[in-house]
C-alpha atoms as a PDB file:
ATOM      1  CA  MET A   1     -18.991 -40.324  27.901  1.00  0.00           C
ATOM      2  CA  VAL A   2     -16.185 -43.036  27.727  1.00  0.00           C
ATOM      3  CA  TRP A   3     -14.966 -41.992  30.998  1.00  0.00           C
ATOM      4  CA  THR A   4     -18.519 -42.235  32.752  1.00  0.00           C
ATOM      5  CA  ILE A   5     -18.749 -45.723  31.295  1.00  0.00           C
ATOM      6  CA  VAL A   6     -15.183 -46.649  32.492  1.00  0.00           C
ATOM      7  CA  LEU A   7     -16.207 -45.192  36.167  1.00  0.00           C
ATOM      8  CA  ALA A   8     -19.485 -46.899  35.973  1.00  0.00           C
ATOM      9  CA  LEU A   9     -17.438 -50.313  35.150  1.00  0.00           C
ATOM     10  CA  VAL A  10     -15.215 -49.897  37.760  1.00  0.00           C
ATOM     11  CA  LEU A  11     -17.697 -49.274  40.672  1.00  0.00           C
ATOM     12  CA  LEU A  12     -19.882 -52.198  39.453  1.00  0.00           C
ATOM     13  CA  SER A  13     -16.855 -54.545  39.149  1.00  0.00           C
ATOM     14  CA  ALA A  14     -15.749 -53.477  42.658  1.00  0.00           C
ATOM     15  CA  LEU A  15     -19.098 -54.494  44.016  1.00  0.00           C
ATOM     16  CA  VAL A  16     -19.198 -57.753  42.262  1.00  0.00           C
ATOM     17  CA  SER A  17     -15.707 -58.904  42.666  1.00  0.00           C
ATOM     18  CA  GLU A  18     -13.230 -58.740  45.839  1.00  0.00           C
ATOM     19  CA  ASP A  19     -10.476 -59.461  43.805  1.00  0.00           C
ATOM     20  CA  PHE A  20     -10.869 -56.829  41.396  1.00  0.00           C
ATOM     21  CA  ARG A  21     -10.720 -54.150  44.261  1.00  0.00           C
ATOM     22  CA  THR A  22      -7.223 -54.972  45.434  1.00  0.00           C
ATOM     23  CA  ALA A  23      -4.581 -52.539  44.761  1.00  0.00           C
ATOM     24  CA  SER A  24      -2.292 -55.221  43.008  1.00  0.00           C
ATOM     25  CA  ASN A  25      -4.929 -55.676  40.115  1.00  0.00           C
ATOM     26  CA  LEU A  26      -5.636 -52.173  39.558  1.00  0.00           C
ATOM     27  CA  VAL A  27      -1.719 -51.682  39.068  1.00  0.00           C
ATOM     28  CA  ASN A  28      -1.748 -54.730  36.994  1.00  0.00           C
ATOM     29  CA  VAL A  29      -4.451 -53.384  34.808  1.00  0.00           C
ATOM     30  CA  ALA A  30      -2.806 -50.394  34.179  1.00  0.00           C
ATOM     31  CA  ARG A  31       0.473 -52.326  33.104  1.00  0.00           C
ATOM     32  CA  GLN A  32      -1.503 -54.473  30.904  1.00  0.00           C
ATOM     33  CA  ALA A  33      -2.846 -51.481  29.115  1.00  0.00           C
ATOM     34  CA  VAL A  34       0.560 -49.951  28.156  1.00  0.00           C
ATOM     35  CA  VAL A  35       0.995 -51.903  24.728  1.00  0.00           C
ATOM     36  CA  LEU A  36      -2.507 -51.367  23.908  1.00  0.00           C
ATOM     37  CA  SER A  37      -2.240 -47.505  24.649  1.00  0.00           C
ATOM     38  CA  LEU A  38       1.065 -47.169  22.498  1.00  0.00           C
ATOM     39  CA  VAL A  39      -0.561 -48.902  19.828  1.00  0.00           C
ATOM     40  CA  SER A  40      -3.817 -46.844  19.801  1.00  0.00           C
ATOM     41  CA  LEU A  41      -1.943 -43.536  20.401  1.00  0.00           C
ATOM     42  CA  GLY A  42      -0.345 -44.323  16.930  1.00  0.00           C
ATOM     43  CA  GLN A  43      -3.759 -45.336  15.551  1.00  0.00           C
ATOM     44  CA  PHE A  44      -5.177 -42.057  16.748  1.00  0.00           C
ATOM     45  CA  LEU A  45      -2.616 -39.882  15.195  1.00  0.00           C
ATOM     46  CA  VAL A  46      -3.387 -41.541  11.747  1.00  0.00           C
ATOM     47  CA  VAL A  47      -7.016 -41.402  12.185  1.00  0.00           C
ATOM     48  CA  VAL A  48      -6.830 -37.872  12.757  1.00  0.00           C
ATOM     49  CA  SER A  49      -4.806 -37.152   9.619  1.00  0.00           C
ATOM     50  CA  GLY A  50      -7.699 -38.625   7.937  1.00  0.00           C
ATOM     51  CA  GLY A  51      -6.314 -42.168   7.475  1.00  0.00           C
ATOM     52  CA  VAL A  52      -5.967 -45.928   9.213  1.00  0.00           C
ATOM     53  CA  ASP A  53      -3.104 -47.954   9.755  1.00  0.00           C
ATOM     54  CA  LEU A  54      -3.894 -51.739   9.722  1.00  0.00           C
ATOM     55  CA  SER A  55      -0.582 -52.920   9.917  1.00  0.00           C
ATOM     56  CA  LEU A  56       0.078 -51.954  13.506  1.00  0.00           C
ATOM     57  CA  GLY A  57      -0.619 -55.462  15.177  1.00  0.00           C
ATOM     58  CA  MET A  58       1.976 -56.948  12.705  1.00  0.00           C
ATOM     59  CA  ILE A  59       4.713 -54.054  13.341  1.00  0.00           C
ATOM     60  CA  VAL A  60       4.297 -55.322  17.070  1.00  0.00           C
ATOM     61  CA  LYS A  61       4.647 -58.867  16.028  1.00  0.00           C
ATOM     62  CA  ILE A  62       7.774 -58.736  13.972  1.00  0.00           C
ATOM     63  CA  THR A  63       9.321 -56.352  16.457  1.00  0.00           C
ATOM     64  CA  ALA A  64       8.522 -58.493  19.191  1.00  0.00           C
ATOM     65  CA  ILE A  65      10.177 -61.329  17.619  1.00  0.00           C
ATOM     66  CA  SER A  66      13.001 -59.648  16.001  1.00  0.00           C
ATOM     67  CA  GLY A  67      14.165 -57.784  19.157  1.00  0.00           C
ATOM     68  CA  ALA A  68      13.950 -60.909  21.251  1.00  0.00           C
ATOM     69  CA  ILE A  69      16.029 -62.841  18.423  1.00  0.00           C
ATOM     70  CA  THR A  70      18.848 -60.228  18.467  1.00  0.00           C
ATOM     71  CA  MET A  71      18.892 -59.941  22.391  1.00  0.00           C
ATOM     72  CA  GLY A  72      19.260 -63.701  22.499  1.00  0.00           C
ATOM     73  CA  GLY A  73      19.000 -63.407  26.416  1.00  0.00           C
ATOM     74  CA  PHE A  74      22.105 -60.759  26.778  1.00  0.00           C
ATOM     75  CA  ASP A  75      22.126 -57.538  28.080  1.00  0.00           C
ATOM     76  CA  GLU A  76      24.989 -56.568  25.962  1.00  0.00           C
ATOM     77  CA  ARG A  77      22.602 -56.819  22.852  1.00  0.00           C
ATOM     78  CA  LEU A  78      19.762 -54.908  24.415  1.00  0.00           C
ATOM     79  CA  VAL A  79      20.757 -51.620  22.991  1.00  0.00           C
ATOM     80  CA  LEU A  80      20.965 -53.262  19.577  1.00  0.00           C
ATOM     81  CA  GLY A  81      17.680 -55.433  20.080  1.00  0.00           C
ATOM     82  CA  LEU A  82      16.094 -52.049  20.309  1.00  0.00           C
ATOM     83  CA  ALA A  83      17.755 -50.111  17.750  1.00  0.00           C
ATOM     84  CA  ILE A  84      16.722 -52.900  15.151  1.00  0.00           C
ATOM     85  CA  ALA A  85      13.026 -53.133  16.670  1.00  0.00           C
ATOM     86  CA  LEU A  86      12.649 -49.058  16.414  1.00  0.00           C
ATOM     87  CA  LEU A  87      14.102 -49.145  13.112  1.00  0.00           C
ATOM     88  CA  LEU A  88      11.889 -51.978  11.895  1.00  0.00           C
ATOM     89  CA  GLY A  89       8.913 -50.054  12.972  1.00  0.00           C
ATOM     90  CA  LEU A  90      10.166 -46.630  11.407  1.00  0.00           C
ATOM     91  CA  VAL A  91      10.787 -48.301   8.177  1.00  0.00           C
ATOM     92  CA  ALA A  92       7.304 -50.032   7.877  1.00  0.00           C
ATOM     93  CA  GLY A  93       5.691 -46.761   8.897  1.00  0.00           C
ATOM     94  CA  MET A  94       7.768 -44.839   6.422  1.00  0.00           C
ATOM     95  CA  THR A  95       6.872 -47.251   3.476  1.00  0.00           C
ATOM     96  CA  ASN A  96       3.068 -46.944   4.698  1.00  0.00           C
ATOM     97  CA  GLY A  97       3.471 -43.247   4.595  1.00  0.00           C
ATOM     98  CA  VAL A  98       5.206 -43.246   1.139  1.00  0.00           C
ATOM     99  CA  ILE A  99       2.668 -45.657  -0.452  1.00  0.00           C
ATOM    100  CA  VAL A 100      -0.306 -43.400   0.886  1.00  0.00           C
ATOM    101  CA  THR A 101       0.878 -40.380  -0.340  1.00  0.00           C
ATOM    102  CA  TRP A 102       3.108 -40.341  -3.234  1.00  0.00           C
ATOM    103  CA  PHE A 103       1.273 -43.186  -4.822  1.00  0.00           C
ATOM    104  CA  ARG A 104      -2.107 -42.269  -3.611  1.00  0.00           C
ATOM    105  CA  VAL A 105      -3.473 -45.609  -2.695  1.00  0.00           C
ATOM    106  CA  PRO A 106      -6.015 -45.246   0.088  1.00  0.00           C
ATOM    107  CA  ALA A 107      -4.505 -46.248   3.523  1.00  0.00           C
ATOM    108  CA  PHE A 108      -6.831 -48.784   4.069  1.00  0.00           C
ATOM    109  CA  ILE A 109      -5.806 -50.835   1.370  1.00  0.00           C
ATOM    110  CA  ALA A 110      -2.019 -49.686   1.586  1.00  0.00           C
ATOM    111  CA  THR A 111      -1.810 -50.790   5.356  1.00  0.00           C
ATOM    112  CA  LEU A 112      -4.058 -54.102   4.704  1.00  0.00           C
ATOM    113  CA  GLY A 113      -1.114 -54.801   1.908  1.00  0.00           C
ATOM    114  CA  SER A 114       1.458 -54.013   4.535  1.00  0.00           C
ATOM    115  CA  MET A 115      -0.237 -56.578   7.143  1.00  0.00           C
ATOM    116  CA  ALA A 116      -0.223 -59.345   4.789  1.00  0.00           C
ATOM    117  CA  VAL A 117       3.403 -58.574   3.995  1.00  0.00           C
ATOM    118  CA  LEU A 118       4.607 -58.523   7.657  1.00  0.00           C
ATOM    119  CA  GLN A 119       2.507 -61.287   8.322  1.00  0.00           C
ATOM    120  CA  GLY A 120       4.389 -63.556   5.729  1.00  0.00           C
ATOM    121  CA  ILE A 121       7.786 -61.975   6.885  1.00  0.00           C
ATOM    122  CA  ALA A 122       6.760 -63.065  10.424  1.00  0.00           C
ATOM    123  CA  LEU A 123       5.845 -66.692   9.559  1.00  0.00           C
ATOM    124  CA  LEU A 124       9.140 -66.916   7.392  1.00  0.00           C
ATOM    125  CA  ILE A 125      11.223 -65.886  10.619  1.00  0.00           C
ATOM    126  CA  THR A 126       9.467 -68.391  12.889  1.00  0.00           C
ATOM    127  CA  THR A 127       6.212 -70.130  13.729  1.00  0.00           C
ATOM    128  CA  VAL A 128       7.046 -70.925  17.383  1.00  0.00           C
ATOM    129  CA  PRO A 129       8.537 -68.839  20.251  1.00  0.00           C
ATOM    130  CA  LYS A 130      12.016 -67.618  19.659  1.00  0.00           C
ATOM    131  CA  GLY A 131      14.722 -65.818  21.061  1.00  0.00           C
ATOM    132  CA  LYS A 132      14.982 -64.500  24.452  1.00  0.00           C
ATOM    133  CA  THR A 133      14.921 -61.052  26.185  1.00  0.00           C
ATOM    134  CA  SER A 134      17.870 -59.485  27.886  1.00  0.00           C
ATOM    135  CA  PRO A 135      17.353 -59.997  31.659  1.00  0.00           C
ATOM    136  CA  LEU A 136      17.658 -55.655  31.957  1.00  0.00           C
ATOM    137  CA  LEU A 137      14.371 -55.467  29.611  1.00  0.00           C
ATOM    138  CA  GLY A 138      12.502 -57.896  31.677  1.00  0.00           C
ATOM    139  CA  ALA A 139      13.348 -56.282  34.818  1.00  0.00           C
ATOM    140  CA  PHE A 140      12.382 -52.908  33.478  1.00  0.00           C
ATOM    141  CA  TRP A 141       9.183 -54.864  32.952  1.00  0.00           C
ATOM    142  CA  GLY A 142       8.628 -55.745  36.664  1.00  0.00           C
ATOM    143  CA  TRP A 143      10.413 -52.548  37.951  1.00  0.00           C
ATOM    144  CA  ARG A 144       8.370 -50.199  40.232  1.00  0.00           C
ATOM    145  CA  LEU A 145       8.630 -46.549  41.273  1.00  0.00           C
ATOM    146  CA  GLY A 146       6.603 -46.865  44.465  1.00  0.00           C
ATOM    147  CA  PRO A 147       3.438 -48.461  43.865  1.00  0.00           C
ATOM    148  CA  ILE A 148       3.717 -47.594  39.998  1.00  0.00           C
ATOM    149  CA  TYR A 149       5.113 -49.642  37.344  1.00  0.00           C
ATOM    150  CA  GLY A 150       7.942 -48.145  35.395  1.00  0.00           C
ATOM    151  CA  VAL A 151       6.193 -49.198  32.009  1.00  0.00           C
ATOM    152  CA  VAL A 152       3.324 -47.023  32.874  1.00  0.00           C
ATOM    153  CA  ILE A 153       5.210 -44.015  33.820  1.00  0.00           C
ATOM    154  CA  LEU A 154       6.936 -44.396  30.501  1.00  0.00           C
ATOM    155  CA  MET A 155       3.380 -44.746  28.898  1.00  0.00           C
ATOM    156  CA  LEU A 156       1.943 -41.466  30.749  1.00  0.00           C
ATOM    157  CA  LEU A 157       5.416 -39.490  29.653  1.00  0.00           C
ATOM    158  CA  ILE A 158       4.953 -40.347  25.974  1.00  0.00           C
ATOM    159  CA  TRP A 159       1.061 -39.695  26.244  1.00  0.00           C
ATOM    160  CA  THR A 160       1.918 -36.194  27.789  1.00  0.00           C
ATOM    161  CA  VAL A 161       4.226 -35.556  24.974  1.00  0.00           C
ATOM    162  CA  PHE A 162       1.939 -36.011  22.221  1.00  0.00           C
ATOM    163  CA  TRP A 163      -0.838 -34.317  23.882  1.00  0.00           C
ATOM    164  CA  LEU A 164       1.462 -31.231  23.937  1.00  0.00           C
ATOM    165  CA  LEU A 165       2.554 -31.923  20.481  1.00  0.00           C
ATOM    166  CA  LEU A 166      -0.885 -31.922  19.326  1.00  0.00           C
ATOM    167  CA  ASN A 167      -2.318 -28.962  21.349  1.00  0.00           C
ATOM    168  CA  PHE A 168       0.795 -26.709  21.226  1.00  0.00           C
ATOM    169  CA  THR A 169       2.788 -27.246  18.146  1.00  0.00           C
ATOM    170  CA  VAL A 170       2.758 -26.223  14.311  1.00  0.00           C
ATOM    171  CA  TRP A 171       2.922 -30.012  13.981  1.00  0.00           C
ATOM    172  CA  GLY A 172      -0.217 -30.959  15.840  1.00  0.00           C
ATOM    173  CA  ARG A 173      -2.436 -28.279  14.247  1.00  0.00           C
ATOM    174  CA  HIS A 174      -1.026 -29.535  10.833  1.00  0.00           C
ATOM    175  CA  VAL A 175      -2.363 -33.290  11.441  1.00  0.00           C
ATOM    176  CA  TYR A 176      -5.852 -31.928  12.466  1.00  0.00           C
ATOM    177  CA  ALA A 177      -6.199 -29.697   9.356  1.00  0.00           C
ATOM    178  CA  ILE A 178      -5.084 -32.432   6.964  1.00  0.00           C
ATOM    179  CA  GLY A 179      -7.767 -34.450   8.400  1.00  0.00           C
ATOM    180  CA  GLY A 180     -10.324 -31.834   8.362  1.00  0.00           C
ATOM    181  CA  ASP A 181      -9.783 -30.957   4.662  1.00  0.00           C
ATOM    182  CA  VAL A 182      -6.692 -31.736   2.694  1.00  0.00           C
ATOM    183  CA  ARG A 183      -7.300 -29.538  -0.147  1.00  0.00           C
ATOM    184  CA  ILE A 184      -7.861 -26.422   2.111  1.00  0.00           C
ATOM    185  CA  SER A 185      -4.507 -27.391   4.085  1.00  0.00           C
ATOM    186  CA  ARG A 186      -2.385 -28.023   0.973  1.00  0.00           C
ATOM    187  CA  SER A 187      -3.793 -24.254  -0.510  1.00  0.00           C
ATOM    188  CA  SER A 188      -2.893 -22.785   3.019  1.00  0.00           C
ATOM    189  CA  GLY A 189       0.604 -24.040   2.817  1.00  0.00           C
ATOM    190  CA  VAL A 190       0.782 -26.858   4.682  1.00  0.00           C
ATOM    191  CA  ARG A 191       3.160 -29.544   3.669  1.00  0.00           C
ATOM    192  CA  VAL A 192       0.785 -32.412   3.467  1.00  0.00           C
ATOM    193  CA  ARG A 193       2.896 -35.393   2.249  1.00  0.00           C
ATOM    194  CA  ALA A 194       5.218 -34.618   4.796  1.00  0.00           C
ATOM    195  CA  VAL A 195       3.028 -34.525   7.604  1.00  0.00           C
ATOM    196  CA  GLN A 196       1.121 -37.370   6.514  1.00  0.00           C
ATOM    197  CA  VAL A 197       4.689 -39.557   6.040  1.00  0.00           C
ATOM    198  CA  SER A 198       5.423 -38.199   9.937  1.00  0.00           C
ATOM    199  CA  VAL A 199       2.153 -39.651  11.431  1.00  0.00           C
ATOM    200  CA  PHE A 200       2.640 -43.030   9.817  1.00  0.00           C
ATOM    201  CA  VAL A 201       6.146 -43.082  11.044  1.00  0.00           C
ATOM    202  CA  VAL A 202       5.459 -42.225  14.616  1.00  0.00           C
ATOM    203  CA  ALA A 203       2.669 -44.799  14.531  1.00  0.00           C
ATOM    204  CA  GLY A 204       5.368 -47.475  13.089  1.00  0.00           C
ATOM    205  CA  VAL A 205       7.716 -46.460  16.230  1.00  0.00           C
ATOM    206  CA  LEU A 206       5.064 -46.441  18.656  1.00  0.00           C
ATOM    207  CA  ALA A 207       4.022 -49.892  17.555  1.00  0.00           C
ATOM    208  CA  ALA A 208       7.765 -51.082  17.654  1.00  0.00           C
ATOM    209  CA  LEU A 209       8.033 -49.855  21.064  1.00  0.00           C
ATOM    210  CA  GLY A 210       4.722 -51.830  22.068  1.00  0.00           C
ATOM    211  CA  GLY A 211       6.305 -54.754  20.436  1.00  0.00           C
ATOM    212  CA  VAL A 212       9.738 -54.367  22.710  1.00  0.00           C
ATOM    213  CA  LEU A 213       7.014 -54.416  25.440  1.00  0.00           C
ATOM    214  CA  THR A 214       5.457 -57.164  24.672  1.00  0.00           C
ATOM    215  CA  ALA A 215       8.766 -59.202  24.281  1.00  0.00           C
ATOM    216  CA  ALA A 216       9.612 -58.101  27.930  1.00  0.00           C
ATOM    217  CA  ARG A 217       6.582 -59.252  28.924  1.00  0.00           C
ATOM    218  CA  ALA A 218       6.703 -62.550  27.609  1.00  0.00           C
ATOM    219  CA  GLY A 219      10.468 -63.000  28.062  1.00  0.00           C
ATOM    220  CA  ILE A 220      10.645 -64.381  24.403  1.00  0.00           C
ATOM    221  CA  GLY A 221       9.739 -63.608  20.865  1.00  0.00           C
ATOM    222  CA  ASP A 222       6.133 -64.793  20.822  1.00  0.00           C
ATOM    223  CA  PRO A 223       4.633 -65.488  17.158  1.00  0.00           C
ATOM    224  CA  ASN A 224       1.445 -64.646  18.653  1.00  0.00           C
ATOM    225  CA  ALA A 225       2.168 -61.112  19.753  1.00  0.00           C
ATOM    226  CA  GLY A 226       0.549 -58.199  18.440  1.00  0.00           C
ATOM    227  CA  PHE A 227      -2.812 -60.400  17.604  1.00  0.00           C
ATOM    228  CA  GLY A 228      -5.939 -58.300  16.947  1.00  0.00           C
ATOM    229  CA  LEU A 229      -4.419 -55.018  18.192  1.00  0.00           C
ATOM    230  CA  GLU A 230      -4.787 -53.160  14.890  1.00  0.00           C
ATOM    231  CA  PHE A 231      -8.482 -53.396  15.406  1.00  0.00           C
ATOM    232  CA  GLU A 232      -8.307 -52.919  19.347  1.00  0.00           C
ATOM    233  CA  SER A 233      -6.535 -49.696  18.572  1.00  0.00           C
ATOM    234  CA  LEU A 234      -8.874 -48.794  16.069  1.00  0.00           C
ATOM    235  CA  ALA A 235     -11.559 -49.640  18.615  1.00  0.00           C
ATOM    236  CA  ALA A 236     -10.311 -47.235  21.361  1.00  0.00           C
ATOM    237  CA  VAL A 237      -9.897 -44.550  18.806  1.00  0.00           C
ATOM    238  CA  VAL A 238     -13.471 -44.911  17.877  1.00  0.00           C
ATOM    239  CA  ILE A 239     -14.727 -45.465  21.450  1.00  0.00           C
ATOM    240  CA  GLY A 240     -13.114 -42.198  22.546  1.00  0.00           C
ATOM    241  CA  GLY A 241     -14.840 -40.149  19.998  1.00  0.00           C
ATOM    242  CA  ALA A 242     -12.529 -39.588  17.272  1.00  0.00           C
ATOM    243  CA  SER A 243     -14.044 -39.510  13.708  1.00  0.00           C
ATOM    244  CA  LEU A 244     -12.929 -42.041  11.298  1.00  0.00           C
ATOM    245  CA  LEU A 245     -13.299 -39.338   8.738  1.00  0.00           C
ATOM    246  CA  GLY A 246     -10.381 -37.555  10.282  1.00  0.00           C
ATOM    247  CA  GLY A 247      -9.597 -34.082  11.852  1.00  0.00           C
ATOM    248  CA  ARG A 248     -11.696 -34.783  15.056  1.00  0.00           C
ATOM    249  CA  GLY A 249     -10.891 -36.424  18.406  1.00  0.00           C
ATOM    250  CA  ARG A 250      -9.098 -35.900  21.629  1.00  0.00           C
ATOM    251  CA  LEU A 251      -6.227 -37.920  23.375  1.00  0.00           C
ATOM    252  CA  ILE A 252      -8.271 -38.197  26.708  1.00  0.00           C
ATOM    253  CA  GLY A 253     -11.240 -39.528  25.152  1.00  0.00           C
ATOM    254  CA  VAL A 254      -8.955 -42.204  23.532  1.00  0.00           C
ATOM    255  CA  PHE A 255      -7.077 -43.118  26.417  1.00  0.00           C
ATOM    256  CA  GLY A 256     -10.461 -43.559  28.003  1.00  0.00           C
ATOM    257  CA  GLY A 257     -11.301 -45.920  25.348  1.00  0.00           C
ATOM    258  CA  VAL A 258      -7.988 -47.753  26.136  1.00  0.00           C
ATOM    259  CA  MET A 259      -8.807 -48.282  29.672  1.00  0.00           C
ATOM    260  CA  LEU A 260     -12.608 -49.283  28.995  1.00  0.00           C
ATOM    261  CA  LEU A 261     -11.385 -52.045  26.752  1.00  0.00           C
ATOM    262  CA  SER A 262      -8.569 -53.410  29.218  1.00  0.00           C
ATOM    263  CA  LEU A 263     -10.849 -53.164  32.022  1.00  0.00           C
ATOM    264  CA  ILE A 264     -13.517 -55.231  30.208  1.00  0.00           C
ATOM    265  CA  GLY A 265     -10.992 -57.925  29.800  1.00  0.00           C
ATOM    266  CA  ASN A 266      -9.767 -57.627  33.593  1.00  0.00           C
ATOM    267  CA  VAL A 267     -13.405 -57.947  34.776  1.00  0.00           C
ATOM    268  CA  PHE A 268     -14.968 -60.675  32.645  1.00  0.00           C
ATOM    269  CA  ASN A 269     -11.749 -62.643  33.450  1.00  0.00           C
ATOM    270  CA  PHE A 270     -12.707 -62.360  37.192  1.00  0.00           C
ATOM    271  CA  ILE A 271     -16.444 -63.229  36.895  1.00  0.00           C
ATOM    272  CA  GLY A 272     -15.632 -66.173  34.361  1.00  0.00           C
ATOM    273  CA  VAL A 273     -17.181 -64.600  31.297  1.00  0.00           C
ATOM    274  CA  ASP A 274     -16.156 -66.505  28.127  1.00  0.00           C
ATOM    275  CA  VAL A 275     -13.723 -64.945  25.634  1.00  0.00           C
ATOM    276  CA  TRP A 276     -16.448 -64.846  22.679  1.00  0.00           C
ATOM    277  CA  TYR A 277     -18.798 -62.563  25.041  1.00  0.00           C
ATOM    278  CA  GLN A 278     -15.949 -60.328  25.707  1.00  0.00           C
ATOM    279  CA  GLN A 279     -15.553 -59.831  22.157  1.00  0.00           C
ATOM    280  CA  LEU A 280     -19.398 -59.591  21.671  1.00  0.00           C
ATOM    281  CA  LEU A 281     -19.487 -56.897  24.346  1.00  0.00           C
ATOM    282  CA  LYS A 282     -16.334 -54.707  22.636  1.00  0.00           C
ATOM    283  CA  GLY A 283     -18.047 -54.990  18.928  1.00  0.00           C
ATOM    284  CA  THR A 284     -21.314 -53.739  20.862  1.00  0.00           C
ATOM    285  CA  ILE A 285     -19.491 -50.772  22.293  1.00  0.00           C
ATOM    286  CA  ILE A 286     -17.898 -49.702  19.260  1.00  0.00           C
ATOM    287  CA  LEU A 287     -21.001 -49.800  17.157  1.00  0.00           C
ATOM    288  CA  LEU A 288     -22.661 -47.512  20.281  1.00  0.00           C
ATOM    289  CA  GLY A 289     -19.769 -45.127  20.184  1.00  0.00           C
ATOM    290  CA  SER A 290     -19.912 -44.936  16.336  1.00  0.00           C
ATOM    291  CA  ALA A 291     -23.410 -44.176  16.352  1.00  0.00           C
ATOM    292  CA  ALA A 292     -23.370 -41.711  19.512  1.00  0.00           C
ATOM    293  CA  TYR A 293     -20.640 -39.786  17.411  1.00  0.00           C
ATOM    294  CA  VAL A 294     -22.664 -39.683  14.181  1.00  0.00           C
ATOM    295  CA  GLY A 295     -25.652 -38.552  16.320  1.00  0.00           C
ATOM    296  CA  ARG A 296     -23.657 -35.491  17.660  1.00  0.00           C
ATOM    297  CA  ARG A 297     -22.212 -34.543  14.335  1.00  0.00           C
ATOM    298  CA  ARG A 298     -25.655 -34.887  12.764  1.00  0.00           C
ATOM    299  CA  GLY A 299     -27.162 -32.798  15.699  1.00  0.00           C
ATOM    300  CA  ALA A 300     -24.406 -30.188  15.086  1.00  0.00           C
ATOM    301  CA  ALA A 301     -25.191 -30.039  11.465  1.00  0.00           C
ATOM    302  CA  SER A 302     -28.723 -29.342  11.870  1.00  0.00           C
END
């Protein structure tokens, strides 16, 4: 369903706006979707396992700021900046996973608290743009292989890897099984806690990578980085047909949700629609997508 809507939106937009039809615009849409796609991929893994992560947007923010400050505009500090950003994402994800699994705090509450803590730390570091990314990282954001940006190729490779992991590995089967029924999974010998923690860790690292690419795009550590991404990623997951109860969903649907949200912003900007109407449409699509999923579940149950 979501890909049908994406196709319809593309065709309609091509008829309405000549600028939308240009190859450069379509390539840029794909590049602008990279950060949202990485965060949505992490969110999907958490949701399929039966949880939710509301801290992903703040992880993007704090890693973008810390990475830019560490690099300071020098290529010699690029590796250190990347390492610190990814380590922060790993630690944040690990913390969320431990709180949810070992202390049995509901994922919604645990990650909401993490979001507040990370926001406070980010505000403590800076409230204005700070730091500067290395020239090499900035060059990578603009680098192309033929007509396709390198960051888009990186995104597709990452999604392909996780598609293979979810569909052809024991870990992937366990992620779906835990989301379907934790008790049955535990009685079947699945290491539930380890898998749940690993999902939060992966989500944190993917968000951190999104933070690095956000800094690469802006060239600085922007304190507004990652704003609203936790909810947009959740929207992409819901629109893509994944169940918020866990255990159900496919990456192809979530990727369609990412492209739909990215296209909405792009198209509305071309035709001059105000931001609040964009948010209204996104909210409506989320509600319709959720309702359609519930309807399918009820039909299958009857």
